[in-house]
Amino acid sequence: MNSAIVQQLKYLGAYPIALQDKVRRLIAQQQLGAYLDARYPQRHAVQSDRALYTYCSDLKNEFLHVAPAIDKVFYDSKLDVLRHALGLHTAISRVQGGKLKAKKEIRIASLFKDTAPEFLRMIVVHELAHLKESDHNKAFYRICELMQPGYHQVEFDLRLYLTHRDMER
């Protein structure tokens, strides 16, 4: 097996070998980009941090009314895509006047400013689901699927997008 192709599939390591082989064939036939372009032809319009905050808040309010409020949402150019491909959620605790306050933040890697709307929604849904479930368990993925039907397919296709993006570098 060509080590370059093995390296190219670093985002797909947890998927079955048969599925990885299909991706390898798409890559060998130089069809991965065409597949993604046909499936996800649009780019989203959420370009500013303010628009991203509004986008996240609207989704949270629609699906997770009782989840903790989000204090800050922004595109982060410093996120390492390999470690945090889907973004990052944090709770920053501070003492204010004798009380401990936790501020919830969501960071989305800046590279996702220029992706399909389905990819942005998947990333935001993933991070919002962590407001209710900290672990990647069945309950977590039920929340994701509720907020974005077909979540697992979009997550897989996002991994294909990241694979394709790495190949073009």
Protein backbone atom coordinates (compact mmCIF):
# COMPACT_ATOMS: atom_id res chain seq x y z
CA MET A 1 0.00 0.00 0.00
CA ASN A 2 1.29 3.42 -0.93
CA SER A 3 2.20 5.22 2.31
CA ALA A 4 1.03 8.53 0.81
CA ILE A 5 -2.51 7.15 0.42
CA VAL A 6 -2.42 5.72 3.96
CA GLN A 7 -1.39 9.17 5.19
CA GLN A 8 -4.18 10.75 3.12
CA LEU A 9 -6.77 8.67 5.00
CA LYS A 10 -5.78 9.88 8.46
CA TYR A 11 -9.30 11.30 9.00
CA LEU A 12 -10.92 7.97 8.10
CA GLY A 13 -8.97 5.55 10.30
CA ALA A 14 -12.00 4.50 12.38
CA TYR A 15 -14.09 3.57 9.33
CA PRO A 16 -14.32 0.02 7.89
CA ILE A 17 -11.57 -1.04 5.50
CA ALA A 18 -14.10 -1.61 2.69
CA LEU A 19 -15.21 2.02 2.95
CA GLN A 20 -11.60 3.22 3.07
CA ASP A 21 -10.94 1.17 -0.09
CA LYS A 22 -13.79 2.98 -1.88
CA VAL A 23 -12.21 6.29 -0.89
CA ARG A 24 -8.82 5.08 -2.12
CA ARG A 25 -10.40 4.25 -5.48
CA LEU A 26 -11.95 7.74 -5.69
CA ILE A 27 -8.53 9.22 -4.94
CA ALA A 28 -6.76 7.00 -7.49
CA GLN A 29 -9.34 7.97 -10.14
CA GLN A 30 -9.00 11.63 -9.12
CA GLN A 31 -12.76 11.76 -8.44
CA LEU A 32 -12.87 12.75 -4.75
CA GLY A 33 -13.09 16.48 -5.49
CA ALA A 34 -15.80 15.94 -8.11
CA TYR A 35 -17.81 13.82 -5.66
CA LEU A 36 -17.63 16.54 -3.01
CA ASP A 37 -18.40 19.37 -5.46
CA ALA A 38 -21.46 17.53 -6.78
CA ARG A 39 -22.74 16.67 -3.31
CA TYR A 40 -21.95 20.05 -1.68
CA PRO A 41 -21.97 22.76 -4.38
CA GLN A 42 -22.89 25.70 -2.10
CA ARG A 43 -20.77 27.74 0.34
CA HIS A 44 -22.30 29.22 3.47
CA ALA A 45 -22.56 32.95 4.14
CA VAL A 46 -21.62 32.87 7.86
CA GLN A 47 -18.36 34.81 7.60
CA SER A 48 -18.05 36.94 10.73
CA ASP A 49 -17.79 35.95 14.37
CA ARG A 50 -21.00 37.85 15.07
CA ALA A 51 -22.86 35.94 12.35
CA LEU A 52 -21.41 32.67 13.69
CA TYR A 53 -22.60 33.53 17.22
CA THR A 54 -26.10 34.25 15.88
CA TYR A 55 -26.08 31.04 13.86
CA CYS A 56 -25.06 28.97 16.91
CA SER A 57 -27.51 30.72 19.21
CA ASP A 58 -30.40 30.16 16.80
CA LEU A 59 -29.64 26.43 16.58
CA LYS A 60 -29.25 26.16 20.33
CA ASN A 61 -32.52 27.97 20.96
CA GLU A 62 -34.36 25.78 18.46
CA PHE A 63 -33.15 22.44 19.81
CA LEU A 64 -31.52 22.86 23.23
CA HIS A 65 -33.65 25.39 25.15
CA VAL A 66 -32.56 24.20 28.58
CA ALA A 67 -28.84 23.86 27.80
CA PRO A 68 -26.50 26.45 29.30
CA ALA A 69 -26.19 29.75 27.44
CA ILE A 70 -23.31 30.27 25.04
CA ASP A 71 -21.19 33.28 25.95
CA LYS A 72 -18.86 33.43 22.98
CA VAL A 73 -18.59 31.84 19.53
CA PHE A 74 -15.85 32.60 17.03
CA TYR A 75 -13.72 31.36 14.17
CA ASP A 76 -10.29 30.44 15.49
CA SER A 77 -7.32 30.51 13.12
CA LYS A 78 -5.14 28.79 15.72
CA LEU A 79 -7.11 25.55 15.98
CA ASP A 80 -5.08 22.59 14.83
CA VAL A 81 -7.36 20.73 12.41
CA LEU A 82 -5.83 17.35 13.20
CA ARG A 83 -6.58 17.64 16.91
CA HIS A 84 -9.79 19.69 16.74
CA ALA A 85 -11.19 19.08 13.27
CA LEU A 86 -14.72 19.75 14.44
CA GLY A 87 -14.04 22.77 16.59
CA LEU A 88 -13.68 23.18 20.32
CA HIS A 89 -16.02 23.87 23.18
CA THR A 90 -14.73 25.18 26.48
CA ALA A 91 -16.05 26.30 29.81
CA ILE A 92 -13.91 28.98 31.38
CA SER A 93 -14.52 29.30 35.11
CA ARG A 94 -13.92 32.60 36.86
CA VAL A 95 -14.60 33.86 40.35
CA GLN A 96 -16.76 36.98 40.30
CA GLY A 97 -17.78 38.51 43.61
CA GLY A 98 -17.52 35.29 45.58
CA LYS A 99 -19.38 33.25 42.93
CA LEU A 100 -17.90 30.82 40.45
CA LYS A 101 -19.15 31.58 36.93
CA ALA A 102 -18.56 29.33 33.94
CA LYS A 103 -18.46 30.95 30.51
CA LYS A 104 -19.24 28.63 27.60
CA GLU A 105 -17.26 29.19 24.41
CA ILE A 106 -17.35 27.51 21.03
CA ARG A 107 -14.45 27.86 18.60
CA ILE A 108 -14.67 26.79 14.99
CA ALA A 109 -11.52 26.40 12.89
CA SER A 110 -11.22 29.29 10.44
CA LEU A 111 -10.80 26.95 7.49
CA PHE A 112 -14.52 26.22 7.79
CA LYS A 113 -15.41 29.76 6.72
CA ASP A 114 -15.27 28.53 3.13
CA THR A 115 -17.17 25.24 3.26
CA ALA A 116 -20.60 23.90 2.49
CA PRO A 117 -23.42 25.00 4.81
CA GLU A 118 -23.94 21.35 5.78
CA PHE A 119 -20.34 21.14 7.05
CA LEU A 120 -20.64 24.29 9.14
CA ARG A 121 -23.93 23.08 10.60
CA MET A 122 -22.41 19.68 11.41
CA ILE A 123 -19.51 21.26 13.26
CA VAL A 124 -21.77 23.64 15.20
CA VAL A 125 -24.24 20.83 15.99
CA HIS A 126 -21.36 18.70 17.27
CA GLU A 127 -20.13 21.43 19.59
CA LEU A 128 -23.64 22.34 20.76
CA ALA A 129 -24.36 18.69 21.59
CA HIS A 130 -21.47 18.88 24.05
CA LEU A 131 -23.52 21.36 26.09
CA LYS A 132 -25.76 18.40 26.99
CA GLU A 133 -23.41 15.42 26.69
CA SER A 134 -19.68 15.67 27.30
CA ASP A 135 -18.85 12.20 25.93
CA HIS A 136 -19.25 10.88 22.42
CA ASN A 137 -21.86 8.31 23.44
CA LYS A 138 -25.22 7.21 22.01
CA ALA A 139 -27.06 10.09 23.72
CA PHE A 140 -24.58 12.57 22.22
CA TYR A 141 -25.12 11.25 18.69
CA ARG A 142 -28.92 11.20 19.17
CA ILE A 143 -28.73 14.93 19.92
CA CYS A 144 -26.57 15.48 16.83
CA GLU A 145 -28.99 13.52 14.65
CA LEU A 146 -31.95 15.47 16.07
CA MET A 147 -30.33 18.80 15.19
CA GLN A 148 -29.05 17.61 11.81
CA PRO A 149 -30.74 14.60 10.22
CA GLY A 150 -28.13 12.61 8.32
CA TYR A 151 -25.45 13.82 10.74
CA HIS A 152 -23.25 10.74 10.32
CA GLN A 153 -23.14 11.02 6.52
CA VAL A 154 -22.24 14.71 6.71
CA GLU A 155 -19.52 13.94 9.27
CA PHE A 156 -18.10 11.28 6.95
CA ASP A 157 -18.23 13.66 3.99
CA LEU A 158 -16.51 16.34 6.07
CA ARG A 159 -13.71 13.86 6.69
CA LEU A 160 -13.56 13.30 2.93
CA TYR A 161 -13.37 17.07 2.46
CA LEU A 162 -10.45 17.31 4.92
CA THR A 163 -8.72 14.42 3.12
CA HIS A 164 -9.17 16.15 -0.23
CA ARG A 165 -7.99 19.47 1.21
CA ASP A 166 -4.80 17.85 2.50
CA MET A 167 -4.14 16.25 -0.88
CA GLU A 168 -4.27 19.64 -2.60
CA ARG A 169 -1.63 21.15 -0.35
